[in-house]
Amino acid sequence: MGIDFDEMLTQLKAEIAGLASDEFKDFAVEAASDGTSLLHTMEGKLKKYAQQLEDGKITEDDFKLLFLGNKDLVQMSALTKAGLQAARIDAFKSAVFNTIINTVVNFV
């Protein structure tokens, strides 16, 4: 059948915006911007890994490890510029990565 990547990305953007709103009342716009930027930065790898998962070339655990392996490469510049603590920014980044992983796994 194949993954509908457009639908998946649309759903992910909505979930990230909701997460940003829940986590950062005063900085929801910055958090949503960083979360969406993270998604766009990772889009190519996300599609590749999701397709490999769907095709049975990698396991769900492999997918998680491959995707999470990129976590330190992504910056949250809007939240950093807003002056938020690094630990809070990192927690949000982890939540975004976990949201992406869970959504992809549910799509496959």
PDB file of N, CA and C in Angstrom:
ATOM      1  N   MET A   1       0.824  -1.202   0.000  1.00  0.00           N
ATOM      2  CA  MET A   1       0.000   0.000   0.000  1.00  0.00           C
ATOM      3  C   MET A   1       0.858   1.252   0.000  1.00  0.00           C
ATOM      4  N   GLY A   2       1.856   1.306   0.839  1.00  0.00           N
ATOM      5  CA  GLY A   2       2.749   2.456   0.866  1.00  0.00           C
ATOM      6  C   GLY A   2       2.326   3.520   1.859  1.00  0.00           C
ATOM      7  N   ILE A   3       3.311   4.175   2.389  1.00  0.00           N
ATOM      8  CA  ILE A   3       3.072   5.249   3.348  1.00  0.00           C
ATOM      9  C   ILE A   3       2.678   6.511   2.595  1.00  0.00           C
ATOM     10  N   ASP A   4       1.636   7.174   3.067  1.00  0.00           N
ATOM     11  CA  ASP A   4       1.251   8.476   2.515  1.00  0.00           C
ATOM     12  C   ASP A   4       2.070   9.526   3.273  1.00  0.00           C
ATOM     13  N   PHE A   5       3.242   9.874   2.722  1.00  0.00           N
ATOM     14  CA  PHE A   5       4.159  10.770   3.424  1.00  0.00           C
ATOM     15  C   PHE A   5       3.564  12.166   3.614  1.00  0.00           C
ATOM     16  N   ASP A   6       2.792  12.636   2.651  1.00  0.00           N
ATOM     17  CA  ASP A   6       2.170  13.957   2.804  1.00  0.00           C
ATOM     18  C   ASP A   6       1.212  13.971   3.985  1.00  0.00           C
ATOM     19  N   GLU A   7       0.393  12.934   4.083  1.00  0.00           N
ATOM     20  CA  GLU A   7      -0.539  12.840   5.214  1.00  0.00           C
ATOM     21  C   GLU A   7       0.223  12.718   6.529  1.00  0.00           C
ATOM     22  N   MET A   8       1.282  11.906   6.520  1.00  0.00           N
ATOM     23  CA  MET A   8       2.075  11.719   7.721  1.00  0.00           C
ATOM     24  C   MET A   8       2.722  13.038   8.156  1.00  0.00           C
ATOM     25  N   LEU A   9       3.282  13.795   7.207  1.00  0.00           N
ATOM     26  CA  LEU A   9       3.913  15.073   7.538  1.00  0.00           C
ATOM     27  C   LEU A   9       2.888  16.082   8.045  1.00  0.00           C
ATOM     28  N   THR A  10       1.706  16.087   7.456  1.00  0.00           N
ATOM     29  CA  THR A  10       0.647  16.984   7.917  1.00  0.00           C
ATOM     30  C   THR A  10       0.258  16.654   9.356  1.00  0.00           C
ATOM     31  N   GLN A  11       0.113  15.372   9.631  1.00  0.00           N
ATOM     32  CA  GLN A  11      -0.223  14.952  10.983  1.00  0.00           C
ATOM     33  C   GLN A  11       0.895  15.306  11.962  1.00  0.00           C
ATOM     34  N   LEU A  12       2.136  15.089  11.547  1.00  0.00           N
ATOM     35  CA  LEU A  12       3.267  15.411  12.413  1.00  0.00           C
ATOM     36  C   LEU A  12       3.332  16.905  12.729  1.00  0.00           C
ATOM     37  N   LYS A  13       3.099  17.746  11.734  1.00  0.00           N
ATOM     38  CA  LYS A  13       3.115  19.198  11.970  1.00  0.00           C
ATOM     39  C   LYS A  13       2.060  19.582  12.997  1.00  0.00           C
ATOM     40  N   ALA A  14       0.870  18.992  12.886  1.00  0.00           N
ATOM     41  CA  ALA A  14      -0.199  19.287  13.840  1.00  0.00           C
ATOM     42  C   ALA A  14       0.165  18.803  15.241  1.00  0.00           C
ATOM     43  N   GLU A  15       0.742  17.611  15.326  1.00  0.00           N
ATOM     44  CA  GLU A  15       1.140  17.073  16.627  1.00  0.00           C
ATOM     45  C   GLU A  15       2.251  17.904  17.260  1.00  0.00           C
ATOM     46  N   ILE A  16       3.200  18.346  16.452  1.00  0.00           N
ATOM     47  CA  ILE A  16       4.298  19.168  16.970  1.00  0.00           C
ATOM     48  C   ILE A  16       3.769  20.515  17.449  1.00  0.00           C
ATOM     49  N   ALA A  17       2.846  21.107  16.705  1.00  0.00           N
ATOM     50  CA  ALA A  17       2.250  22.382  17.124  1.00  0.00           C
ATOM     51  C   ALA A  17       1.508  22.212  18.448  1.00  0.00           C
ATOM     52  N   GLY A  18       0.787  21.107  18.602  1.00  0.00           N
ATOM     53  CA  GLY A  18       0.085  20.835  19.853  1.00  0.00           C
ATOM     54  C   GLY A  18       1.045  20.629  21.006  1.00  0.00           C
ATOM     55  N   LEU A  19       2.110  19.918  20.746  1.00  0.00           N
ATOM     56  CA  LEU A  19       3.142  19.690  21.764  1.00  0.00           C
ATOM     57  C   LEU A  19       3.779  21.009  22.182  1.00  0.00           C
ATOM     58  N   ALA A  20       4.071  21.845  21.217  1.00  0.00           N
ATOM     59  CA  ALA A  20       4.671  23.159  21.499  1.00  0.00           C
ATOM     60  C   ALA A  20       3.741  23.996  22.366  1.00  0.00           C
ATOM     61  N   SER A  21       2.474  23.983  22.041  1.00  0.00           N
ATOM     62  CA  SER A  21       1.484  24.742  22.800  1.00  0.00           C
ATOM     63  C   SER A  21       1.353  24.216  24.229  1.00  0.00           C
ATOM     64  N   ASP A  22       1.383  22.902  24.372  1.00  0.00           N
ATOM     65  CA  ASP A  22       1.272  22.292  25.701  1.00  0.00           C
ATOM     66  C   ASP A  22       2.500  22.559  26.565  1.00  0.00           C
ATOM     67  N   GLU A  23       3.683  22.493  25.952  1.00  0.00           N
ATOM     68  CA  GLU A  23       4.931  22.592  26.701  1.00  0.00           C
ATOM     69  C   GLU A  23       5.377  24.032  26.975  1.00  0.00           C
ATOM     70  N   PHE A  24       5.077  24.932  26.042  1.00  0.00           N
ATOM     71  CA  PHE A  24       5.582  26.302  26.131  1.00  0.00           C
ATOM     72  C   PHE A  24       4.458  27.299  25.879  1.00  0.00           C
ATOM     73  N   LYS A  25       3.725  27.600  26.912  1.00  0.00           N
ATOM     74  CA  LYS A  25       2.612  28.550  26.758  1.00  0.00           C
ATOM     75  C   LYS A  25       3.090  29.886  26.204  1.00  0.00           C
ATOM     76  N   ASP A  26       4.155  30.439  26.783  1.00  0.00           N
ATOM     77  CA  ASP A  26       4.646  31.760  26.376  1.00  0.00           C
ATOM     78  C   ASP A  26       5.547  31.724  25.146  1.00  0.00           C
ATOM     79  N   PHE A  27       6.034  30.548  24.809  1.00  0.00           N
ATOM     80  CA  PHE A  27       6.953  30.414  23.678  1.00  0.00           C
ATOM     81  C   PHE A  27       6.465  29.376  22.667  1.00  0.00           C
ATOM     82  N   ALA A  28       5.156  29.238  22.557  1.00  0.00           N
ATOM     83  CA  ALA A  28       4.574  28.219  21.670  1.00  0.00           C
ATOM     84  C   ALA A  28       4.954  28.448  20.212  1.00  0.00           C
ATOM     85  N   VAL A  29       5.002  29.706  19.792  1.00  0.00           N
ATOM     86  CA  VAL A  29       5.343  30.009  18.400  1.00  0.00           C
ATOM     87  C   VAL A  29       6.780  29.596  18.106  1.00  0.00           C
ATOM     88  N   GLU A  30       7.697  29.935  19.013  1.00  0.00           N
ATOM     89  CA  GLU A  30       9.097  29.569  18.830  1.00  0.00           C
ATOM     90  C   GLU A  30       9.273  28.051  18.861  1.00  0.00           C
ATOM     91  N   ALA A  31       8.590  27.405  19.789  1.00  0.00           N
ATOM     92  CA  ALA A  31       8.706  25.948  19.900  1.00  0.00           C
ATOM     93  C   ALA A  31       8.141  25.262  18.654  1.00  0.00           C
ATOM     94  N   ALA A  32       6.998  25.731  18.177  1.00  0.00           N
ATOM     95  CA  ALA A  32       6.417  25.149  16.964  1.00  0.00           C
ATOM     96  C   ALA A  32       7.336  25.372  15.770  1.00  0.00           C
ATOM     97  N   SER A  33       7.945  26.537  15.699  1.00  0.00           N
ATOM     98  CA  SER A  33       8.881  26.837  14.614  1.00  0.00           C
ATOM     99  C   SER A  33      10.084  25.893  14.660  1.00  0.00           C
ATOM    100  N   ASP A  34      10.643  25.705  15.838  1.00  0.00           N
ATOM    101  CA  ASP A  34      11.783  24.795  15.983  1.00  0.00           C
ATOM    102  C   ASP A  34      11.382  23.356  15.685  1.00  0.00           C
ATOM    103  N   GLY A  35      10.219  22.944  16.147  1.00  0.00           N
ATOM    104  CA  GLY A  35       9.758  21.585  15.903  1.00  0.00           C
ATOM    105  C   GLY A  35       9.524  21.321  14.429  1.00  0.00           C
ATOM    106  N   THR A  36       8.926  22.285  13.742  1.00  0.00           N
ATOM    107  CA  THR A  36       8.684  22.147  12.310  1.00  0.00           C
ATOM    108  C   THR A  36      10.004  22.173  11.540  1.00  0.00           C
ATOM    109  N   SER A  37      10.931  23.008  11.973  1.00  0.00           N
ATOM    110  CA  SER A  37      12.249  23.061  11.352  1.00  0.00           C
ATOM    111  C   SER A  37      12.970  21.720  11.518  1.00  0.00           C
ATOM    112  N   LEU A  38      12.859  21.137  12.700  1.00  0.00           N
ATOM    113  CA  LEU A  38      13.451  19.822  12.949  1.00  0.00           C
ATOM    114  C   LEU A  38      12.863  18.802  11.973  1.00  0.00           C
ATOM    115  N   LEU A  39      11.554  18.840  11.817  1.00  0.00           N
ATOM    116  CA  LEU A  39      10.880  17.911  10.912  1.00  0.00           C
ATOM    117  C   LEU A  39      11.377  18.082   9.480  1.00  0.00           C
ATOM    118  N   HIS A  40      11.496  19.330   9.035  1.00  0.00           N
ATOM    119  CA  HIS A  40      11.984  19.580   7.670  1.00  0.00           C
ATOM    120  C   HIS A  40      13.442  19.147   7.508  1.00  0.00           C
ATOM    121  N   THR A  41      14.255  19.392   8.518  1.00  0.00           N
ATOM    122  CA  THR A  41      15.657  18.993   8.474  1.00  0.00           C
ATOM    123  C   THR A  41      15.790  17.481   8.356  1.00  0.00           C
ATOM    124  N   MET A  42      14.931  16.767   9.045  1.00  0.00           N
ATOM    125  CA  MET A  42      15.013  15.314   9.102  1.00  0.00           C
ATOM    126  C   MET A  42      14.140  14.620   8.052  1.00  0.00           C
ATOM    127  N   GLU A  43      13.421  15.374   7.241  1.00  0.00           N
ATOM    128  CA  GLU A  43      12.436  14.797   6.332  1.00  0.00           C
ATOM    129  C   GLU A  43      13.006  13.720   5.407  1.00  0.00           C
ATOM    130  N   GLY A  44      14.147  13.974   4.806  1.00  0.00           N
ATOM    131  CA  GLY A  44      14.742  12.996   3.900  1.00  0.00           C
ATOM    132  C   GLY A  44      15.071  11.690   4.598  1.00  0.00           C
ATOM    133  N   LYS A  45      15.729  11.799   5.746  1.00  0.00           N
ATOM    134  CA  LYS A  45      16.078  10.594   6.507  1.00  0.00           C
ATOM    135  C   LYS A  45      14.826   9.915   7.036  1.00  0.00           C
ATOM    136  N   LEU A  46      13.864  10.705   7.450  1.00  0.00           N
ATOM    137  CA  LEU A  46      12.616  10.156   7.963  1.00  0.00           C
ATOM    138  C   LEU A  46      11.920   9.310   6.902  1.00  0.00           C
ATOM    139  N   LYS A  47      11.830   9.830   5.697  1.00  0.00           N
ATOM    140  CA  LYS A  47      11.201   9.078   4.610  1.00  0.00           C
ATOM    141  C   LYS A  47      11.980   7.794   4.308  1.00  0.00           C
ATOM    142  N   LYS A  48      13.296   7.920   4.268  1.00  0.00           N
ATOM    143  CA  LYS A  48      14.146   6.755   3.982  1.00  0.00           C
ATOM    144  C   LYS A  48      13.957   5.673   5.043  1.00  0.00           C
ATOM    145  N   TYR A  49      14.056   6.051   6.310  1.00  0.00           N
ATOM    146  CA  TYR A  49      13.940   5.085   7.395  1.00  0.00           C
ATOM    147  C   TYR A  49      12.528   4.502   7.472  1.00  0.00           C
ATOM    148  N   ALA A  50      11.519   5.341   7.262  1.00  0.00           N
ATOM    149  CA  ALA A  50      10.132   4.866   7.308  1.00  0.00           C
ATOM    150  C   ALA A  50       9.881   3.855   6.191  1.00  0.00           C
ATOM    151  N   GLN A  51      10.420   4.135   5.013  1.00  0.00           N
ATOM    152  CA  GLN A  51      10.250   3.208   3.892  1.00  0.00           C
ATOM    153  C   GLN A  51      10.962   1.887   4.169  1.00  0.00           C
ATOM    154  N   GLN A  52      12.158   1.970   4.742  1.00  0.00           N
ATOM    155  CA  GLN A  52      12.886   0.752   5.090  1.00  0.00           C
ATOM    156  C   GLN A  52      12.129  -0.055   6.142  1.00  0.00           C
ATOM    157  N   LEU A  53      11.508   0.645   7.090  1.00  0.00           N
ATOM    158  CA  LEU A  53      10.709  -0.022   8.117  1.00  0.00           C
ATOM    159  C   LEU A  53       9.505  -0.705   7.478  1.00  0.00           C
ATOM    160  N   GLU A  54       8.823   0.001   6.610  1.00  0.00           N
ATOM    161  CA  GLU A  54       7.653  -0.570   5.947  1.00  0.00           C
ATOM    162  C   GLU A  54       8.037  -1.778   5.084  1.00  0.00           C
ATOM    163  N   ASP A  55       9.177  -1.688   4.418  1.00  0.00           N
ATOM    164  CA  ASP A  55       9.630  -2.775   3.543  1.00  0.00           C
ATOM    165  C   ASP A  55      10.210  -3.959   4.309  1.00  0.00           C
ATOM    166  N   GLY A  56      10.350  -3.832   5.636  1.00  0.00           N
ATOM    167  CA  GLY A  56      10.895  -4.916   6.441  1.00  0.00           C
ATOM    168  C   GLY A  56      12.410  -5.007   6.396  1.00  0.00           C
ATOM    169  N   LYS A  57      13.057  -3.970   5.869  1.00  0.00           N
ATOM    170  CA  LYS A  57      14.519  -3.975   5.784  1.00  0.00           C
ATOM    171  C   LYS A  57      15.167  -3.652   7.126  1.00  0.00           C
ATOM    172  N   ILE A  58      14.418  -2.936   7.981  1.00  0.00           N
ATOM    173  CA  ILE A  58      14.876  -2.641   9.331  1.00  0.00           C
ATOM    174  C   ILE A  58      13.719  -2.936  10.289  1.00  0.00           C
ATOM    175  N   THR A  59      14.066  -3.158  11.545  1.00  0.00           N
ATOM    176  CA  THR A  59      13.050  -3.390  12.572  1.00  0.00           C
ATOM    177  C   THR A  59      12.620  -2.057  13.171  1.00  0.00           C
ATOM    178  N   GLU A  60      11.591  -2.111  13.982  1.00  0.00           N
ATOM    179  CA  GLU A  60      11.139  -0.904  14.675  1.00  0.00           C
ATOM    180  C   GLU A  60      12.244  -0.361  15.582  1.00  0.00           C
ATOM    181  N   ASP A  61      12.955  -1.249  16.247  1.00  0.00           N
ATOM    182  CA  ASP A  61      14.073  -0.823  17.108  1.00  0.00           C
ATOM    183  C   ASP A  61      15.189  -0.181  16.283  1.00  0.00           C
ATOM    184  N   ASP A  62      15.470  -0.767  15.109  1.00  0.00           N
ATOM    185  CA  ASP A  62      16.470  -0.171  14.219  1.00  0.00           C
ATOM    186  C   ASP A  62      16.051   1.237  13.809  1.00  0.00           C
ATOM    187  N   PHE A  63      14.776   1.368  13.456  1.00  0.00           N
ATOM    188  CA  PHE A  63      14.247   2.673  13.055  1.00  0.00           C
ATOM    189  C   PHE A  63      14.456   3.699  14.158  1.00  0.00           C
ATOM    190  N   LYS A  64      14.085   3.324  15.382  1.00  0.00           N
ATOM    191  CA  LYS A  64      14.236   4.240  16.515  1.00  0.00           C
ATOM    192  C   LYS A  64      15.692   4.649  16.707  1.00  0.00           C
ATOM    193  N   LEU A  65      16.593   3.665  16.672  1.00  0.00           N
ATOM    194  CA  LEU A  65      18.014   3.956  16.855  1.00  0.00           C
ATOM    195  C   LEU A  65      18.566   4.851  15.744  1.00  0.00           C
ATOM    196  N   LEU A  66      18.206   4.534  14.508  1.00  0.00           N
ATOM    197  CA  LEU A  66      18.677   5.347  13.379  1.00  0.00           C
ATOM    198  C   LEU A  66      18.177   6.786  13.493  1.00  0.00           C
ATOM    199  N   PHE A  67      16.909   6.940  13.798  1.00  0.00           N
ATOM    200  CA  PHE A  67      16.339   8.275  13.851  1.00  0.00           C
ATOM    201  C   PHE A  67      16.868   9.065  15.046  1.00  0.00           C
ATOM    202  N   LEU A  68      16.907   8.434  16.212  1.00  0.00           N
ATOM    203  CA  LEU A  68      17.407   9.117  17.411  1.00  0.00           C
ATOM    204  C   LEU A  68      18.890   9.442  17.319  1.00  0.00           C
ATOM    205  N   GLY A  69      19.609   8.716  16.477  1.00  0.00           N
ATOM    206  CA  GLY A  69      21.027   8.983  16.284  1.00  0.00           C
ATOM    207  C   GLY A  69      21.299  10.364  15.705  1.00  0.00           C
ATOM    208  N   ASN A  70      20.280  11.003  15.182  1.00  0.00           N
ATOM    209  CA  ASN A  70      20.414  12.339  14.595  1.00  0.00           C
ATOM    210  C   ASN A  70      20.025  13.461  15.555  1.00  0.00           C
ATOM    211  N   LYS A  71      19.597  13.094  16.747  1.00  0.00           N
ATOM    212  CA  LYS A  71      19.064  14.083  17.696  1.00  0.00           C
ATOM    213  C   LYS A  71      20.056  15.203  18.008  1.00  0.00           C
ATOM    214  N   ASP A  72      21.296  14.862  18.214  1.00  0.00           N
ATOM    215  CA  ASP A  72      22.283  15.880  18.595  1.00  0.00           C
ATOM    216  C   ASP A  72      22.665  16.792  17.436  1.00  0.00           C
ATOM    217  N   LEU A  73      22.315  16.413  16.222  1.00  0.00           N
ATOM    218  CA  LEU A  73      22.647  17.225  15.048  1.00  0.00           C
ATOM    219  C   LEU A  73      21.669  18.365  14.809  1.00  0.00           C
ATOM    220  N   VAL A  74      20.528  18.313  15.485  1.00  0.00           N
ATOM    221  CA  VAL A  74      19.465  19.292  15.255  1.00  0.00           C
ATOM    222  C   VAL A  74      19.477  20.348  16.353  1.00  0.00           C
ATOM    223  N   GLN A  75      19.428  21.595  15.946  1.00  0.00           N
ATOM    224  CA  GLN A  75      19.416  22.715  16.887  1.00  0.00           C
ATOM    225  C   GLN A  75      18.010  23.291  17.022  1.00  0.00           C
ATOM    226  N   MET A  76      17.716  23.820  18.169  1.00  0.00           N
ATOM    227  CA  MET A  76      16.450  24.500  18.420  1.00  0.00           C
ATOM    228  C   MET A  76      16.755  25.990  18.570  1.00  0.00           C
ATOM    229  N   SER A  77      16.970  26.640  17.452  1.00  0.00           N
ATOM    230  CA  SER A  77      17.489  28.011  17.475  1.00  0.00           C
ATOM    231  C   SER A  77      16.490  29.040  18.002  1.00  0.00           C
ATOM    232  N   ALA A  78      15.220  28.907  17.691  1.00  0.00           N
ATOM    233  CA  ALA A  78      14.248  29.906  18.150  1.00  0.00           C
ATOM    234  C   ALA A  78      14.105  29.865  19.666  1.00  0.00           C
ATOM    235  N   LEU A  79      14.063  28.673  20.231  1.00  0.00           N
ATOM    236  CA  LEU A  79      13.969  28.563  21.688  1.00  0.00           C
ATOM    237  C   LEU A  79      15.259  29.014  22.365  1.00  0.00           C
ATOM    238  N   THR A  80      16.382  28.737  21.744  1.00  0.00           N
ATOM    239  CA  THR A  80      17.662  29.184  22.291  1.00  0.00           C
ATOM    240  C   THR A  80      17.725  30.708  22.295  1.00  0.00           C
ATOM    241  N   LYS A  81      17.312  31.319  21.194  1.00  0.00           N
ATOM    242  CA  LYS A  81      17.295  32.784  21.105  1.00  0.00           C
ATOM    243  C   LYS A  81      16.337  33.400  22.107  1.00  0.00           C
ATOM    244  N   ALA A  82      15.275  32.673  22.440  1.00  0.00           N
ATOM    245  CA  ALA A  82      14.299  33.174  23.413  1.00  0.00           C
ATOM    246  C   ALA A  82      14.846  33.093  24.833  1.00  0.00           C
ATOM    247  N   GLY A  83      15.987  32.441  25.004  1.00  0.00           N
ATOM    248  CA  GLY A  83      16.648  32.402  26.299  1.00  0.00           C
ATOM    249  C   GLY A  83      16.206  31.282  27.223  1.00  0.00           C
ATOM    250  N   LEU A  84      15.585  30.265  26.690  1.00  0.00           N
ATOM    251  CA  LEU A  84      15.154  29.156  27.531  1.00  0.00           C
ATOM    252  C   LEU A  84      16.340  28.293  27.939  1.00  0.00           C
ATOM    253  N   GLN A  85      16.193  27.620  29.063  1.00  0.00           N
ATOM    254  CA  GLN A  85      17.258  26.768  29.576  1.00  0.00           C
ATOM    255  C   GLN A  85      17.488  25.582  28.649  1.00  0.00           C
ATOM    256  N   ALA A  86      18.744  25.207  28.529  1.00  0.00           N
ATOM    257  CA  ALA A  86      19.133  24.111  27.635  1.00  0.00           C
ATOM    258  C   ALA A  86      18.408  22.813  27.985  1.00  0.00           C
ATOM    259  N   ALA A  87      18.230  22.535  29.261  1.00  0.00           N
ATOM    260  CA  ALA A  87      17.568  21.293  29.670  1.00  0.00           C
ATOM    261  C   ALA A  87      16.114  21.274  29.201  1.00  0.00           C
ATOM    262  N   ARG A  88      15.466  22.392  29.270  1.00  0.00           N
ATOM    263  CA  ARG A  88      14.065  22.485  28.827  1.00  0.00           C
ATOM    264  C   ARG A  88      13.967  22.332  27.305  1.00  0.00           C
ATOM    265  N   ILE A  89      14.911  22.934  26.606  1.00  0.00           N
ATOM    266  CA  ILE A  89      14.952  22.814  25.144  1.00  0.00           C
ATOM    267  C   ILE A  89      15.216  21.375  24.742  1.00  0.00           C
ATOM    268  N   ASP A  90      16.155  20.724  25.425  1.00  0.00           N
ATOM    269  CA  ASP A  90      16.488  19.336  25.113  1.00  0.00           C
ATOM    270  C   ASP A  90      15.302  18.416  25.391  1.00  0.00           C
ATOM    271  N   ALA A  91      14.571  18.682  26.455  1.00  0.00           N
ATOM    272  CA  ALA A  91      13.392  17.872  26.768  1.00  0.00           C
ATOM    273  C   ALA A  91      12.340  18.013  25.666  1.00  0.00           C
ATOM    274  N   PHE A  92      12.171  19.222  25.156  1.00  0.00           N
ATOM    275  CA  PHE A  92      11.224  19.430  24.064  1.00  0.00           C
ATOM    276  C   PHE A  92      11.697  18.722  22.796  1.00  0.00           C
ATOM    277  N   LYS A  93      12.989  18.826  22.512  1.00  0.00           N
ATOM    278  CA  LYS A  93      13.534  18.148  21.332  1.00  0.00           C
ATOM    279  C   LYS A  93      13.303  16.647  21.431  1.00  0.00           C
ATOM    280  N   SER A  94      13.527  16.075  22.605  1.00  0.00           N
ATOM    281  CA  SER A  94      13.288  14.643  22.813  1.00  0.00           C
ATOM    282  C   SER A  94      11.813  14.304  22.596  1.00  0.00           C
ATOM    283  N   ALA A  95      10.943  15.167  23.083  1.00  0.00           N
ATOM    284  CA  ALA A  95       9.506  14.933  22.912  1.00  0.00           C
ATOM    285  C   ALA A  95       9.119  14.977  21.430  1.00  0.00           C
ATOM    286  N   VAL A  96       9.710  15.892  20.676  1.00  0.00           N
ATOM    287  CA  VAL A  96       9.433  15.980  19.239  1.00  0.00           C
ATOM    288  C   VAL A  96       9.930  14.713  18.537  1.00  0.00           C
ATOM    289  N   PHE A  97      11.138  14.288  18.845  1.00  0.00           N
ATOM    290  CA  PHE A  97      11.665  13.062  18.240  1.00  0.00           C
ATOM    291  C   PHE A  97      10.781  11.864  18.570  1.00  0.00           C
ATOM    292  N   ASN A  98      10.347  11.751  19.824  1.00  0.00           N
ATOM    293  CA  ASN A  98       9.490  10.633  20.214  1.00  0.00           C
ATOM    294  C   ASN A  98       8.130  10.697  19.525  1.00  0.00           C
ATOM    295  N   THR A  99       7.600  11.891  19.354  1.00  0.00           N
ATOM    296  CA  THR A  99       6.338  12.072  18.640  1.00  0.00           C
ATOM    297  C   THR A  99       6.487  11.617  17.195  1.00  0.00           C
ATOM    298  N   ILE A 100       7.579  12.003  16.568  1.00  0.00           N
ATOM    299  CA  ILE A 100       7.826  11.596  15.177  1.00  0.00           C
ATOM    300  C   ILE A 100       7.946  10.073  15.091  1.00  0.00           C
ATOM    301  N   ILE A 101       8.706   9.480  15.977  1.00  0.00           N
ATOM    302  CA  ILE A 101       8.898   8.027  15.964  1.00  0.00           C
ATOM    303  C   ILE A 101       7.559   7.310  16.138  1.00  0.00           C
ATOM    304  N   ASN A 102       6.785   7.718  17.129  1.00  0.00           N
ATOM    305  CA  ASN A 102       5.500   7.064  17.381  1.00  0.00           C
ATOM    306  C   ASN A 102       4.539   7.208  16.210  1.00  0.00           C
ATOM    307  N   THR A 103       4.527   8.364  15.594  1.00  0.00           N
ATOM    308  CA  THR A 103       3.643   8.590  14.455  1.00  0.00           C
ATOM    309  C   THR A 103       4.042   7.725  13.276  1.00  0.00           C
ATOM    310  N   VAL A 104       5.330   7.671  12.989  1.00  0.00           N
ATOM    311  CA  VAL A 104       5.802   6.854  11.861  1.00  0.00           C
ATOM    312  C   VAL A 104       5.470   5.384  12.110  1.00  0.00           C
ATOM    313  N   VAL A 105       5.728   4.906  13.300  1.00  0.00           N
ATOM    314  CA  VAL A 105       5.453   3.502  13.624  1.00  0.00           C
ATOM    315  C   VAL A 105       3.959   3.218  13.446  1.00  0.00           C
ATOM    316  N   ASN A 106       3.105   4.152  13.832  1.00  0.00           N
ATOM    317  CA  ASN A 106       1.666   3.955  13.661  1.00  0.00           C
ATOM    318  C   ASN A 106       1.247   3.984  12.201  1.00  0.00           C
ATOM    319  N   PHE A 107       1.971   4.729  11.366  1.00  0.00           N
ATOM    320  CA  PHE A 107       1.668   4.785   9.944  1.00  0.00           C
ATOM    321  C   PHE A 107       2.072   3.504   9.228  1.00  0.00           C
ATOM    322  N   VAL A 108       3.118   2.866   9.736  1.00  0.00           N
ATOM    323  CA  VAL A 108       3.627   1.641   9.096  1.00  0.00           C
ATOM    324  C   VAL A 108       2.882   0.485   9.628  1.00  0.00           C
TER     325      VAL A 108
END
